[in-house]
N, C-alpha and C. Protein backbone atom coordinates (compact mmCIF):
# COMPACT_ATOMS: atom_id res chain seq x y z
N UNK A 1 56.61 -47.49 1.41
CA UNK A 1 57.81 -48.34 1.32
C UNK A 1 57.47 -49.75 1.77
N UNK A 2 57.99 -50.73 1.04
CA UNK A 2 57.73 -52.13 1.39
C UNK A 2 58.36 -52.47 2.73
N UNK A 3 57.66 -53.26 3.54
CA UNK A 3 58.24 -53.72 4.79
C UNK A 3 59.19 -54.89 4.54
N UNK A 4 58.79 -55.81 3.68
CA UNK A 4 59.58 -57.02 3.44
C UNK A 4 59.76 -57.23 1.94
N UNK A 5 61.00 -57.51 1.55
CA UNK A 5 61.28 -57.88 0.17
C UNK A 5 62.16 -59.13 0.17
N UNK A 6 61.80 -60.09 -0.64
CA UNK A 6 62.63 -61.26 -0.87
C UNK A 6 63.15 -61.17 -2.30
N UNK A 7 64.46 -61.27 -2.45
CA UNK A 7 65.10 -61.08 -3.75
C UNK A 7 65.83 -62.36 -4.15
N UNK A 8 65.26 -63.07 -5.11
CA UNK A 8 65.90 -64.28 -5.66
C UNK A 8 66.36 -65.25 -4.57
N UNK A 9 65.48 -65.51 -3.62
CA UNK A 9 65.83 -66.36 -2.48
C UNK A 9 65.80 -67.83 -2.90
N UNK A 10 66.91 -68.52 -2.66
CA UNK A 10 67.02 -69.93 -3.06
C UNK A 10 67.57 -70.76 -1.91
N UNK A 11 67.09 -72.01 -1.83
CA UNK A 11 67.56 -72.93 -0.79
C UNK A 11 67.33 -74.35 -1.29
N UNK A 12 68.34 -75.19 -1.17
CA UNK A 12 68.16 -76.58 -1.59
C UNK A 12 68.80 -77.51 -0.58
N UNK A 13 68.19 -78.68 -0.43
CA UNK A 13 68.76 -79.77 0.37
C UNK A 13 68.12 -81.07 -0.10
N UNK A 14 68.96 -82.09 -0.24
CA UNK A 14 68.45 -83.35 -0.77
C UNK A 14 67.87 -83.16 -2.16
N UNK A 15 66.68 -83.68 -2.36
CA UNK A 15 66.03 -83.56 -3.68
C UNK A 15 65.16 -82.32 -3.79
N UNK A 16 65.07 -81.53 -2.68
CA UNK A 16 64.20 -80.35 -2.70
C UNK A 16 64.99 -79.10 -3.06
N UNK A 17 64.38 -78.24 -3.86
CA UNK A 17 65.00 -76.95 -4.18
C UNK A 17 63.93 -75.87 -4.23
N UNK A 18 64.17 -74.77 -3.50
CA UNK A 18 63.34 -73.58 -3.61
C UNK A 18 64.14 -72.57 -4.41
N UNK A 19 63.58 -72.12 -5.53
CA UNK A 19 64.40 -71.43 -6.53
C UNK A 19 63.95 -69.99 -6.76
N UNK A 20 64.85 -69.07 -6.50
CA UNK A 20 64.72 -67.65 -6.87
C UNK A 20 63.33 -67.08 -6.56
N UNK A 21 62.95 -67.19 -5.30
CA UNK A 21 61.66 -66.64 -4.87
C UNK A 21 61.79 -65.13 -4.67
N UNK A 22 60.88 -64.39 -5.26
CA UNK A 22 60.83 -62.93 -5.10
C UNK A 22 59.43 -62.55 -4.63
N UNK A 23 59.35 -61.65 -3.67
CA UNK A 23 58.06 -61.08 -3.29
C UNK A 23 58.27 -59.76 -2.56
N UNK A 24 57.22 -58.96 -2.56
CA UNK A 24 57.21 -57.68 -1.85
C UNK A 24 55.96 -57.62 -0.99
N UNK A 25 56.13 -57.27 0.27
CA UNK A 25 55.00 -57.20 1.21
C UNK A 25 54.97 -55.81 1.82
N UNK A 26 53.85 -55.11 1.62
CA UNK A 26 53.71 -53.75 2.15
C UNK A 26 53.32 -53.79 3.62
N UNK A 27 53.56 -52.69 4.31
CA UNK A 27 53.19 -52.59 5.73
C UNK A 27 51.69 -52.78 5.89
N UNK A 28 51.31 -53.61 6.85
CA UNK A 28 49.90 -53.84 7.14
C UNK A 28 49.23 -54.88 6.26
N UNK A 29 49.94 -55.40 5.27
CA UNK A 29 49.37 -56.42 4.38
C UNK A 29 49.44 -57.80 5.02
N UNK A 30 48.48 -58.63 4.66
CA UNK A 30 48.51 -60.05 5.04
C UNK A 30 48.69 -60.86 3.76
N UNK A 31 49.82 -61.55 3.68
CA UNK A 31 50.09 -62.43 2.55
C UNK A 31 49.78 -63.86 2.94
N UNK A 32 49.00 -64.55 2.13
CA UNK A 32 48.76 -65.97 2.34
C UNK A 32 49.58 -66.77 1.34
N UNK A 33 50.37 -67.69 1.86
CA UNK A 33 51.11 -68.63 1.02
C UNK A 33 50.31 -69.91 0.93
N UNK A 34 49.89 -70.26 -0.26
CA UNK A 34 49.02 -71.41 -0.49
C UNK A 34 49.77 -72.47 -1.28
N UNK A 35 49.66 -73.71 -0.85
CA UNK A 35 50.28 -74.79 -1.61
C UNK A 35 50.24 -76.09 -0.84
N UNK A 36 50.50 -77.20 -1.52
CA UNK A 36 50.45 -78.52 -0.88
C UNK A 36 51.63 -78.73 0.06
N UNK A 37 51.54 -79.74 0.90
CA UNK A 37 52.64 -80.08 1.80
C UNK A 37 53.90 -80.39 0.99
N UNK A 38 55.04 -79.91 1.49
CA UNK A 38 56.30 -80.19 0.83
C UNK A 38 56.66 -79.28 -0.32
N UNK A 39 55.86 -78.22 -0.54
CA UNK A 39 56.12 -77.35 -1.69
C UNK A 39 57.11 -76.23 -1.37
N UNK A 40 57.45 -76.05 -0.08
CA UNK A 40 58.43 -75.03 0.27
C UNK A 40 57.91 -73.89 1.12
N UNK A 41 56.63 -73.95 1.53
CA UNK A 41 56.05 -72.84 2.30
C UNK A 41 56.78 -72.65 3.63
N UNK A 42 56.95 -73.72 4.38
CA UNK A 42 57.60 -73.63 5.69
C UNK A 42 59.08 -73.27 5.54
N UNK A 43 59.73 -73.81 4.52
CA UNK A 43 61.13 -73.44 4.26
C UNK A 43 61.24 -71.94 4.03
N UNK A 44 60.32 -71.38 3.26
CA UNK A 44 60.35 -69.94 3.00
C UNK A 44 60.18 -69.15 4.30
N UNK A 45 59.25 -69.57 5.15
CA UNK A 45 59.08 -68.89 6.44
C UNK A 45 60.35 -68.95 7.26
N UNK A 46 60.99 -70.10 7.30
CA UNK A 46 62.21 -70.26 8.10
C UNK A 46 63.34 -69.37 7.58
N UNK A 47 63.40 -69.19 6.27
CA UNK A 47 64.40 -68.29 5.69
C UNK A 47 64.11 -66.84 6.06
N UNK A 48 62.84 -66.46 6.00
CA UNK A 48 62.46 -65.09 6.37
C UNK A 48 62.76 -64.85 7.85
N UNK A 49 62.46 -65.85 8.68
CA UNK A 49 62.64 -65.70 10.13
C UNK A 49 64.10 -65.71 10.55
N UNK A 50 64.98 -66.23 9.69
CA UNK A 50 66.39 -66.34 10.06
C UNK A 50 66.72 -67.65 10.74
N UNK A 51 65.80 -68.61 10.70
CA UNK A 51 66.04 -69.93 11.29
C UNK A 51 66.88 -70.81 10.36
N UNK A 52 66.91 -70.44 9.08
CA UNK A 52 67.80 -71.07 8.11
C UNK A 52 68.42 -69.97 7.26
N UNK A 53 69.57 -70.26 6.66
CA UNK A 53 70.21 -69.30 5.76
C UNK A 53 70.00 -69.75 4.32
N UNK A 54 69.71 -68.80 3.42
CA UNK A 54 69.54 -69.17 2.01
C UNK A 54 70.87 -69.52 1.36
N UNK A 55 70.82 -70.29 0.29
CA UNK A 55 72.02 -70.54 -0.50
C UNK A 55 72.40 -69.30 -1.29
N UNK A 56 71.39 -68.54 -1.69
CA UNK A 56 71.62 -67.29 -2.41
C UNK A 56 70.38 -66.42 -2.28
N UNK A 57 70.51 -65.15 -2.63
CA UNK A 57 69.40 -64.22 -2.53
C UNK A 57 69.45 -63.42 -1.24
N UNK A 58 68.45 -62.55 -1.05
CA UNK A 58 68.47 -61.63 0.08
C UNK A 58 67.09 -61.45 0.69
N UNK A 59 67.08 -61.19 2.00
CA UNK A 59 65.88 -60.80 2.75
C UNK A 59 66.07 -59.35 3.17
N UNK A 60 65.17 -58.47 2.72
CA UNK A 60 65.26 -57.05 3.04
C UNK A 60 64.10 -56.67 3.95
N UNK A 61 64.41 -55.99 5.04
CA UNK A 61 63.40 -55.48 5.97
C UNK A 61 63.48 -53.97 5.93
N UNK A 62 62.40 -53.33 5.43
CA UNK A 62 62.39 -51.87 5.25
C UNK A 62 63.65 -51.43 4.50
N UNK A 63 63.97 -52.13 3.43
CA UNK A 63 65.10 -51.86 2.53
C UNK A 63 66.46 -52.20 3.13
N UNK A 64 66.51 -52.71 4.34
CA UNK A 64 67.77 -53.09 4.97
C UNK A 64 68.00 -54.59 4.80
N UNK A 65 69.18 -54.97 4.37
CA UNK A 65 69.51 -56.38 4.17
C UNK A 65 69.72 -57.05 5.52
N UNK A 66 68.83 -58.00 5.86
CA UNK A 66 68.93 -58.71 7.14
C UNK A 66 69.23 -60.20 6.92
N UNK A 67 69.71 -60.55 5.73
CA UNK A 67 69.90 -61.96 5.39
C UNK A 67 70.78 -62.69 6.39
N UNK A 68 71.84 -62.05 6.86
CA UNK A 68 72.74 -62.70 7.80
C UNK A 68 72.45 -62.40 9.26
N UNK A 69 71.36 -61.70 9.52
CA UNK A 69 71.02 -61.32 10.90
C UNK A 69 70.42 -62.50 11.65
N UNK A 70 70.86 -62.76 12.90
CA UNK A 70 70.28 -63.85 13.69
C UNK A 70 68.78 -63.67 13.90
N UNK A 71 68.08 -64.78 14.06
CA UNK A 71 66.62 -64.75 14.18
C UNK A 71 66.15 -63.84 15.32
N UNK A 72 66.82 -63.90 16.49
CA UNK A 72 66.33 -63.15 17.65
C UNK A 72 66.47 -61.64 17.48
N UNK A 73 67.27 -61.20 16.51
CA UNK A 73 67.43 -59.76 16.29
C UNK A 73 66.47 -59.21 15.24
N UNK A 74 65.75 -60.08 14.57
CA UNK A 74 64.85 -59.61 13.51
C UNK A 74 63.53 -59.08 14.05
N UNK A 75 63.21 -59.44 15.28
CA UNK A 75 61.96 -58.98 15.92
C UNK A 75 60.73 -59.41 15.13
N UNK A 76 60.74 -60.67 14.69
CA UNK A 76 59.60 -61.25 14.01
C UNK A 76 58.87 -62.17 14.99
N UNK A 77 57.56 -62.26 14.84
CA UNK A 77 56.77 -63.18 15.65
C UNK A 77 56.40 -64.41 14.83
N UNK A 78 56.25 -65.55 15.52
CA UNK A 78 55.88 -66.78 14.83
C UNK A 78 54.81 -67.53 15.61
N UNK A 79 53.89 -68.14 14.86
CA UNK A 79 52.82 -68.94 15.46
C UNK A 79 52.65 -70.19 14.60
N UNK A 80 52.85 -71.36 15.22
CA UNK A 80 52.82 -72.62 14.49
C UNK A 80 51.60 -73.44 14.90
N UNK A 81 51.35 -74.53 14.13
CA UNK A 81 50.28 -75.46 14.49
C UNK A 81 50.58 -76.09 15.85
N UNK A 82 51.86 -76.41 16.10
CA UNK A 82 52.28 -76.86 17.42
C UNK A 82 52.53 -75.60 18.25
N UNK A 83 51.62 -75.25 19.12
CA UNK A 83 51.60 -73.92 19.73
C UNK A 83 52.75 -73.67 20.69
N UNK A 84 53.36 -74.74 21.21
CA UNK A 84 54.50 -74.61 22.13
C UNK A 84 54.18 -73.74 23.34
N UNK A 85 52.95 -73.87 23.84
CA UNK A 85 52.59 -73.18 25.08
C UNK A 85 53.11 -73.96 26.28
N UNK A 86 53.19 -73.29 27.42
CA UNK A 86 53.59 -73.95 28.66
C UNK A 86 52.33 -74.41 29.39
N UNK A 87 51.99 -75.71 29.33
CA UNK A 87 50.68 -76.18 29.79
C UNK A 87 50.44 -75.99 31.28
N UNK A 88 51.49 -75.96 32.10
CA UNK A 88 51.30 -75.84 33.55
C UNK A 88 51.47 -74.40 34.05
N UNK A 89 51.65 -73.49 33.10
CA UNK A 89 51.70 -72.07 33.47
C UNK A 89 50.36 -71.43 33.13
N UNK A 90 50.11 -70.30 33.75
CA UNK A 90 48.84 -69.61 33.54
C UNK A 90 48.80 -68.96 32.16
N UNK A 91 47.60 -68.59 31.76
CA UNK A 91 47.41 -67.84 30.52
C UNK A 91 48.26 -66.57 30.55
N UNK A 92 48.21 -65.86 31.68
CA UNK A 92 48.97 -64.62 31.82
C UNK A 92 50.45 -64.87 31.61
N UNK A 93 51.00 -65.90 32.26
CA UNK A 93 52.44 -66.16 32.17
C UNK A 93 52.84 -66.57 30.75
N UNK A 94 51.99 -67.29 30.06
CA UNK A 94 52.29 -67.65 28.68
C UNK A 94 52.37 -66.42 27.78
N UNK A 95 51.41 -65.53 27.93
CA UNK A 95 51.39 -64.32 27.09
C UNK A 95 52.56 -63.39 27.45
N UNK A 96 52.91 -63.36 28.73
CA UNK A 96 53.98 -62.47 29.20
C UNK A 96 55.37 -62.99 28.90
N UNK A 97 55.48 -64.24 28.46
CA UNK A 97 56.80 -64.89 28.35
C UNK A 97 57.78 -64.09 27.48
N UNK A 98 57.34 -63.71 26.28
CA UNK A 98 58.23 -62.98 25.38
C UNK A 98 58.64 -61.63 25.92
N UNK A 99 57.75 -61.00 26.67
CA UNK A 99 58.06 -59.69 27.26
C UNK A 99 59.12 -59.84 28.35
N UNK A 100 59.04 -60.94 29.10
CA UNK A 100 60.06 -61.18 30.12
C UNK A 100 61.42 -61.45 29.47
N UNK A 101 61.42 -62.14 28.35
CA UNK A 101 62.67 -62.40 27.64
C UNK A 101 63.30 -61.09 27.14
N UNK A 102 62.46 -60.10 26.86
CA UNK A 102 62.95 -58.78 26.44
C UNK A 102 63.32 -57.90 27.62
N UNK A 103 63.14 -58.45 28.83
CA UNK A 103 63.49 -57.76 30.08
C UNK A 103 62.74 -56.44 30.24
N UNK A 104 61.47 -56.47 29.89
CA UNK A 104 60.65 -55.30 30.14
C UNK A 104 60.33 -55.21 31.62
N UNK A 105 59.96 -54.03 32.06
CA UNK A 105 59.67 -53.82 33.48
C UNK A 105 58.37 -54.52 33.87
N UNK A 106 58.20 -54.86 35.15
CA UNK A 106 56.95 -55.50 35.59
C UNK A 106 55.71 -54.69 35.20
N UNK A 107 55.80 -53.37 35.29
CA UNK A 107 54.65 -52.53 34.93
C UNK A 107 54.34 -52.63 33.44
N UNK A 108 55.38 -52.64 32.61
CA UNK A 108 55.18 -52.76 31.16
C UNK A 108 54.60 -54.13 30.81
N UNK A 109 55.11 -55.16 31.47
CA UNK A 109 54.61 -56.52 31.22
C UNK A 109 53.14 -56.64 31.59
N UNK A 110 52.79 -56.12 32.75
CA UNK A 110 51.40 -56.18 33.20
C UNK A 110 50.48 -55.45 32.23
N UNK A 111 50.86 -54.24 31.84
CA UNK A 111 50.01 -53.43 30.96
C UNK A 111 49.82 -54.09 29.60
N UNK A 112 50.93 -54.54 29.00
CA UNK A 112 50.85 -55.12 27.66
C UNK A 112 50.14 -56.47 27.67
N UNK A 113 50.38 -57.28 28.69
CA UNK A 113 49.74 -58.60 28.76
C UNK A 113 48.23 -58.44 28.95
N UNK A 114 47.83 -57.55 29.82
CA UNK A 114 46.39 -57.30 30.01
C UNK A 114 45.75 -56.78 28.73
N UNK A 115 46.47 -55.92 28.02
CA UNK A 115 45.96 -55.39 26.75
C UNK A 115 45.75 -56.51 25.73
N UNK A 116 46.71 -57.42 25.64
CA UNK A 116 46.60 -58.53 24.69
C UNK A 116 45.49 -59.51 25.08
N UNK A 117 45.35 -59.77 26.37
CA UNK A 117 44.29 -60.68 26.81
C UNK A 117 42.91 -60.10 26.53
N UNK A 118 42.78 -58.80 26.69
CA UNK A 118 41.50 -58.16 26.37
C UNK A 118 41.24 -58.25 24.87
N UNK A 119 42.28 -58.06 24.08
CA UNK A 119 42.15 -58.09 22.63
C UNK A 119 41.62 -59.43 22.14
N UNK A 120 42.09 -60.52 22.74
CA UNK A 120 41.68 -61.86 22.28
C UNK A 120 40.53 -62.44 23.12
N UNK A 121 39.98 -61.63 24.02
CA UNK A 121 38.81 -62.04 24.78
C UNK A 121 39.07 -63.04 25.88
N UNK A 122 40.27 -62.97 26.50
CA UNK A 122 40.61 -63.93 27.55
C UNK A 122 40.94 -63.27 28.88
N UNK A 123 40.50 -62.05 29.08
CA UNK A 123 40.82 -61.34 30.32
C UNK A 123 40.36 -62.10 31.55
N UNK A 124 39.21 -62.77 31.44
CA UNK A 124 38.66 -63.49 32.59
C UNK A 124 39.32 -64.85 32.82
N UNK A 125 40.29 -65.20 31.99
CA UNK A 125 40.99 -66.49 32.13
C UNK A 125 42.47 -66.31 32.43
N UNK A 126 42.88 -65.14 32.81
CA UNK A 126 44.30 -64.83 32.96
C UNK A 126 45.03 -65.79 33.88
N UNK A 127 44.36 -66.25 34.94
CA UNK A 127 45.03 -67.10 35.94
C UNK A 127 44.76 -68.59 35.73
N UNK A 128 44.05 -68.94 34.66
CA UNK A 128 43.80 -70.35 34.35
C UNK A 128 45.06 -71.00 33.78
N UNK A 129 45.27 -72.28 34.09
CA UNK A 129 46.36 -73.02 33.45
C UNK A 129 46.00 -73.27 31.99
N UNK A 130 46.96 -73.08 31.11
CA UNK A 130 46.72 -73.26 29.68
C UNK A 130 46.30 -74.69 29.36
N UNK A 131 46.83 -75.67 30.10
CA UNK A 131 46.51 -77.07 29.83
C UNK A 131 45.04 -77.40 29.97
N UNK A 132 44.28 -76.58 30.70
CA UNK A 132 42.87 -76.83 30.89
C UNK A 132 41.97 -76.10 29.91
N UNK A 133 42.54 -75.41 28.94
CA UNK A 133 41.75 -74.64 27.98
C UNK A 133 41.37 -75.48 26.77
N UNK A 134 40.35 -75.03 26.06
CA UNK A 134 39.95 -75.68 24.81
C UNK A 134 40.97 -75.34 23.72
N UNK A 135 40.87 -76.06 22.59
CA UNK A 135 41.78 -75.80 21.48
C UNK A 135 41.69 -74.37 20.97
N UNK A 136 40.47 -73.86 20.85
CA UNK A 136 40.29 -72.49 20.38
C UNK A 136 40.86 -71.46 21.35
N UNK A 137 40.67 -71.71 22.64
CA UNK A 137 41.22 -70.80 23.65
C UNK A 137 42.74 -70.81 23.63
N UNK A 138 43.33 -71.99 23.44
CA UNK A 138 44.79 -72.07 23.36
C UNK A 138 45.31 -71.32 22.14
N UNK A 139 44.57 -71.37 21.05
CA UNK A 139 44.97 -70.60 19.86
C UNK A 139 44.99 -69.11 20.17
N UNK A 140 44.01 -68.65 20.92
CA UNK A 140 43.97 -67.23 21.27
C UNK A 140 45.15 -66.84 22.17
N UNK A 141 45.50 -67.74 23.09
CA UNK A 141 46.68 -67.49 23.94
C UNK A 141 47.93 -67.37 23.08
N UNK A 142 48.08 -68.30 22.13
CA UNK A 142 49.26 -68.29 21.26
C UNK A 142 49.32 -67.02 20.42
N UNK A 143 48.17 -66.57 19.93
CA UNK A 143 48.13 -65.33 19.15
C UNK A 143 48.51 -64.14 20.01
N UNK A 144 47.95 -64.06 21.22
CA UNK A 144 48.28 -62.96 22.13
C UNK A 144 49.76 -62.96 22.46
N UNK A 145 50.32 -64.14 22.70
CA UNK A 145 51.75 -64.23 23.03
C UNK A 145 52.61 -63.76 21.86
N UNK A 146 52.25 -64.12 20.65
CA UNK A 146 53.07 -63.75 19.49
C UNK A 146 52.96 -62.26 19.18
N UNK A 147 51.84 -61.63 19.53
CA UNK A 147 51.64 -60.21 19.26
C UNK A 147 52.17 -59.30 20.37
N UNK A 148 52.31 -59.84 21.58
CA UNK A 148 52.67 -59.01 22.73
C UNK A 148 53.96 -58.22 22.54
N UNK A 149 55.03 -58.80 21.96
CA UNK A 149 56.27 -58.02 21.81
C UNK A 149 56.26 -57.02 20.65
N UNK A 150 55.10 -56.82 20.02
CA UNK A 150 54.96 -55.90 18.89
C UNK A 150 55.92 -56.28 17.75
N UNK A 151 55.76 -57.46 17.18
CA UNK A 151 56.67 -57.89 16.12
C UNK A 151 56.54 -57.04 14.87
N UNK A 152 57.66 -56.87 14.17
CA UNK A 152 57.63 -56.12 12.91
C UNK A 152 56.88 -56.92 11.84
N UNK A 153 56.95 -58.24 11.96
CA UNK A 153 56.27 -59.13 11.02
C UNK A 153 55.83 -60.37 11.78
N UNK A 154 54.60 -60.82 11.54
CA UNK A 154 54.09 -62.03 12.19
C UNK A 154 53.94 -63.12 11.14
N UNK A 155 54.49 -64.30 11.45
CA UNK A 155 54.40 -65.43 10.53
C UNK A 155 53.59 -66.55 11.19
N UNK A 156 52.58 -67.02 10.48
CA UNK A 156 51.67 -68.04 11.00
C UNK A 156 51.71 -69.25 10.08
N UNK A 157 52.22 -70.37 10.57
CA UNK A 157 52.40 -71.57 9.76
C UNK A 157 51.32 -72.60 10.09
N UNK A 158 50.28 -72.65 9.26
CA UNK A 158 49.15 -73.58 9.46
C UNK A 158 48.68 -73.57 10.91
N UNK A 159 48.42 -72.40 11.50
CA UNK A 159 48.15 -72.35 12.94
C UNK A 159 46.84 -73.01 13.36
N UNK A 160 45.91 -73.17 12.42
CA UNK A 160 44.59 -73.70 12.77
C UNK A 160 44.40 -75.14 12.30
N UNK A 161 45.46 -75.77 11.83
CA UNK A 161 45.34 -77.09 11.20
C UNK A 161 44.80 -78.18 12.10
N UNK A 162 44.97 -78.05 13.41
CA UNK A 162 44.55 -79.11 14.33
C UNK A 162 43.09 -78.96 14.78
N UNK A 163 42.42 -77.90 14.34
CA UNK A 163 41.05 -77.62 14.80
C UNK A 163 40.03 -78.09 13.77
N UNK A 164 38.78 -78.32 14.23
CA UNK A 164 37.73 -78.71 13.30
C UNK A 164 37.33 -77.51 12.45
N UNK A 165 36.70 -77.77 11.30
CA UNK A 165 36.47 -76.74 10.30
C UNK A 165 35.64 -75.57 10.82
N UNK A 166 34.58 -75.83 11.57
CA UNK A 166 33.72 -74.72 12.02
C UNK A 166 34.48 -73.78 12.94
N UNK A 167 35.29 -74.34 13.84
CA UNK A 167 36.09 -73.50 14.74
C UNK A 167 37.17 -72.77 13.96
N UNK A 168 37.78 -73.45 12.97
CA UNK A 168 38.80 -72.81 12.15
C UNK A 168 38.24 -71.60 11.42
N UNK A 169 37.05 -71.75 10.85
CA UNK A 169 36.45 -70.64 10.11
C UNK A 169 36.19 -69.45 11.02
N UNK A 170 35.72 -69.72 12.23
CA UNK A 170 35.45 -68.64 13.19
C UNK A 170 36.74 -67.94 13.60
N UNK A 171 37.76 -68.73 13.95
CA UNK A 171 39.03 -68.15 14.40
C UNK A 171 39.75 -67.42 13.27
N UNK A 172 39.59 -67.90 12.06
CA UNK A 172 40.22 -67.25 10.92
C UNK A 172 39.74 -65.80 10.79
N UNK A 173 38.43 -65.62 10.88
CA UNK A 173 37.87 -64.26 10.82
C UNK A 173 38.36 -63.42 11.99
N UNK A 174 38.43 -64.05 13.16
CA UNK A 174 38.85 -63.33 14.36
C UNK A 174 40.31 -62.89 14.26
N UNK A 175 41.17 -63.80 13.80
CA UNK A 175 42.60 -63.47 13.66
C UNK A 175 42.79 -62.35 12.64
N UNK A 176 42.10 -62.45 11.51
CA UNK A 176 42.24 -61.39 10.49
C UNK A 176 41.80 -60.04 11.06
N UNK A 177 40.69 -60.03 11.78
CA UNK A 177 40.19 -58.78 12.37
C UNK A 177 41.21 -58.18 13.34
N UNK A 178 41.82 -59.02 14.17
CA UNK A 178 42.81 -58.53 15.14
C UNK A 178 44.05 -57.99 14.43
N UNK A 179 44.54 -58.71 13.44
CA UNK A 179 45.72 -58.26 12.70
C UNK A 179 45.46 -56.92 12.03
N UNK A 180 44.27 -56.76 11.46
CA UNK A 180 43.93 -55.50 10.79
C UNK A 180 43.78 -54.36 11.80
N UNK A 181 43.20 -54.67 12.96
CA UNK A 181 43.02 -53.64 13.99
C UNK A 181 44.37 -53.11 14.46
N UNK A 182 45.36 -54.00 14.55
CA UNK A 182 46.69 -53.61 15.02
C UNK A 182 47.62 -53.20 13.88
N UNK A 183 47.14 -53.28 12.64
CA UNK A 183 47.95 -52.95 11.46
C UNK A 183 49.22 -53.79 11.41
N UNK A 184 49.06 -55.09 11.66
CA UNK A 184 50.19 -56.02 11.68
C UNK A 184 50.44 -56.55 10.27
N UNK A 185 51.69 -56.56 9.87
CA UNK A 185 52.09 -57.19 8.61
C UNK A 185 52.30 -58.67 8.88
N UNK A 186 51.74 -59.53 8.03
CA UNK A 186 51.76 -60.96 8.36
C UNK A 186 51.90 -61.83 7.12
N UNK A 187 52.49 -63.01 7.33
CA UNK A 187 52.51 -64.08 6.32
C UNK A 187 51.80 -65.28 6.94
N UNK A 188 50.76 -65.75 6.27
CA UNK A 188 49.92 -66.84 6.77
C UNK A 188 50.04 -68.01 5.79
N UNK A 189 50.50 -69.15 6.29
CA UNK A 189 50.72 -70.33 5.44
C UNK A 189 49.55 -71.30 5.59
N UNK A 190 49.05 -71.80 4.47
CA UNK A 190 47.96 -72.77 4.50
C UNK A 190 47.98 -73.62 3.23
N UNK A 191 47.36 -74.81 3.31
CA UNK A 191 47.15 -75.62 2.10
C UNK A 191 45.69 -75.55 1.67
N UNK A 192 44.89 -74.74 2.39
CA UNK A 192 43.44 -74.66 2.16
C UNK A 192 43.12 -73.39 1.37
N UNK A 193 42.58 -73.55 0.16
CA UNK A 193 42.32 -72.41 -0.71
C UNK A 193 41.30 -71.45 -0.10
N UNK A 194 40.23 -71.98 0.50
CA UNK A 194 39.21 -71.12 1.10
C UNK A 194 39.81 -70.29 2.24
N UNK A 195 40.68 -70.93 3.04
CA UNK A 195 41.36 -70.23 4.13
C UNK A 195 42.20 -69.08 3.59
N UNK A 196 42.95 -69.35 2.53
CA UNK A 196 43.83 -68.34 1.94
C UNK A 196 43.03 -67.15 1.43
N UNK A 197 41.92 -67.42 0.75
CA UNK A 197 41.12 -66.33 0.18
C UNK A 197 40.42 -65.53 1.26
N UNK A 198 40.08 -66.17 2.38
CA UNK A 198 39.44 -65.46 3.49
C UNK A 198 40.44 -64.58 4.23
N UNK A 199 41.64 -65.09 4.47
CA UNK A 199 42.61 -64.40 5.31
C UNK A 199 43.42 -63.35 4.57
N UNK A 200 43.82 -63.64 3.33
CA UNK A 200 44.85 -62.84 2.69
C UNK A 200 44.35 -61.59 1.98
N UNK A 201 45.17 -60.53 2.05
CA UNK A 201 45.00 -59.39 1.14
C UNK A 201 45.56 -59.76 -0.22
N UNK A 202 46.64 -60.54 -0.19
CA UNK A 202 47.23 -61.09 -1.41
C UNK A 202 47.51 -62.57 -1.16
N UNK A 203 47.44 -63.37 -2.22
CA UNK A 203 47.68 -64.81 -2.10
C UNK A 203 48.81 -65.19 -3.06
N UNK A 204 49.82 -65.87 -2.51
CA UNK A 204 50.90 -66.39 -3.33
C UNK A 204 50.82 -67.90 -3.36
N UNK A 205 50.87 -68.48 -4.54
CA UNK A 205 50.76 -69.93 -4.69
C UNK A 205 52.16 -70.52 -4.85
N UNK A 206 52.50 -71.47 -3.99
CA UNK A 206 53.79 -72.16 -4.09
C UNK A 206 53.60 -73.57 -4.61
N UNK A 207 54.50 -73.97 -5.49
CA UNK A 207 54.47 -75.34 -6.01
C UNK A 207 55.89 -75.75 -6.39
N UNK A 208 56.34 -76.86 -5.83
CA UNK A 208 57.67 -77.40 -6.12
C UNK A 208 58.77 -76.35 -5.96
N UNK A 209 58.66 -75.58 -4.86
CA UNK A 209 59.71 -74.63 -4.54
C UNK A 209 59.68 -73.32 -5.30
N UNK A 210 58.63 -73.10 -6.06
CA UNK A 210 58.51 -71.85 -6.82
C UNK A 210 57.26 -71.09 -6.38
N UNK A 211 57.38 -69.77 -6.37
CA UNK A 211 56.26 -68.91 -5.97
C UNK A 211 55.70 -68.22 -7.20
């Protein structure tokens, strides 16, 4: 059964229009959305996440219509180029943040946060301030934080855009490996064709609001 279905999803504002987008994403699949800036990739993510409402069409999660459901109830994870980490908090506290918002017990938070830090290779940096980490290390913190609450779907919007190419290529392989190990369903947005082909099980090309 498909985890995510978009049915004739449309959204317009100003001179931009995203028109009747349809797609199906199976559990555990990684979809890469490829296209130039301004083509509608981020708008599509925001509609899926519930941060915007479509003008028409539907978002189905495991065959359930969640189009009108608030973003915080969809249990989706998001990772952006602007990582929105807390620079003066520790690596541990950044990763644990979402778990605290879910009011998990201290024991659950400790276990899950340590598990995520081990997964991304940052166990020895748990008490370091995020502001003192390298760009690649901060990316790993952001990935661990987004995965910690066990999201039903993870959305990554140009998460590696601020890094140099050699580091991006390394982290791309690492992120794909982690997502596959955890069987995470994901949508990865990029304007880089090589990135899309490396990361995605399937690649969708967006242009002028059409998929």
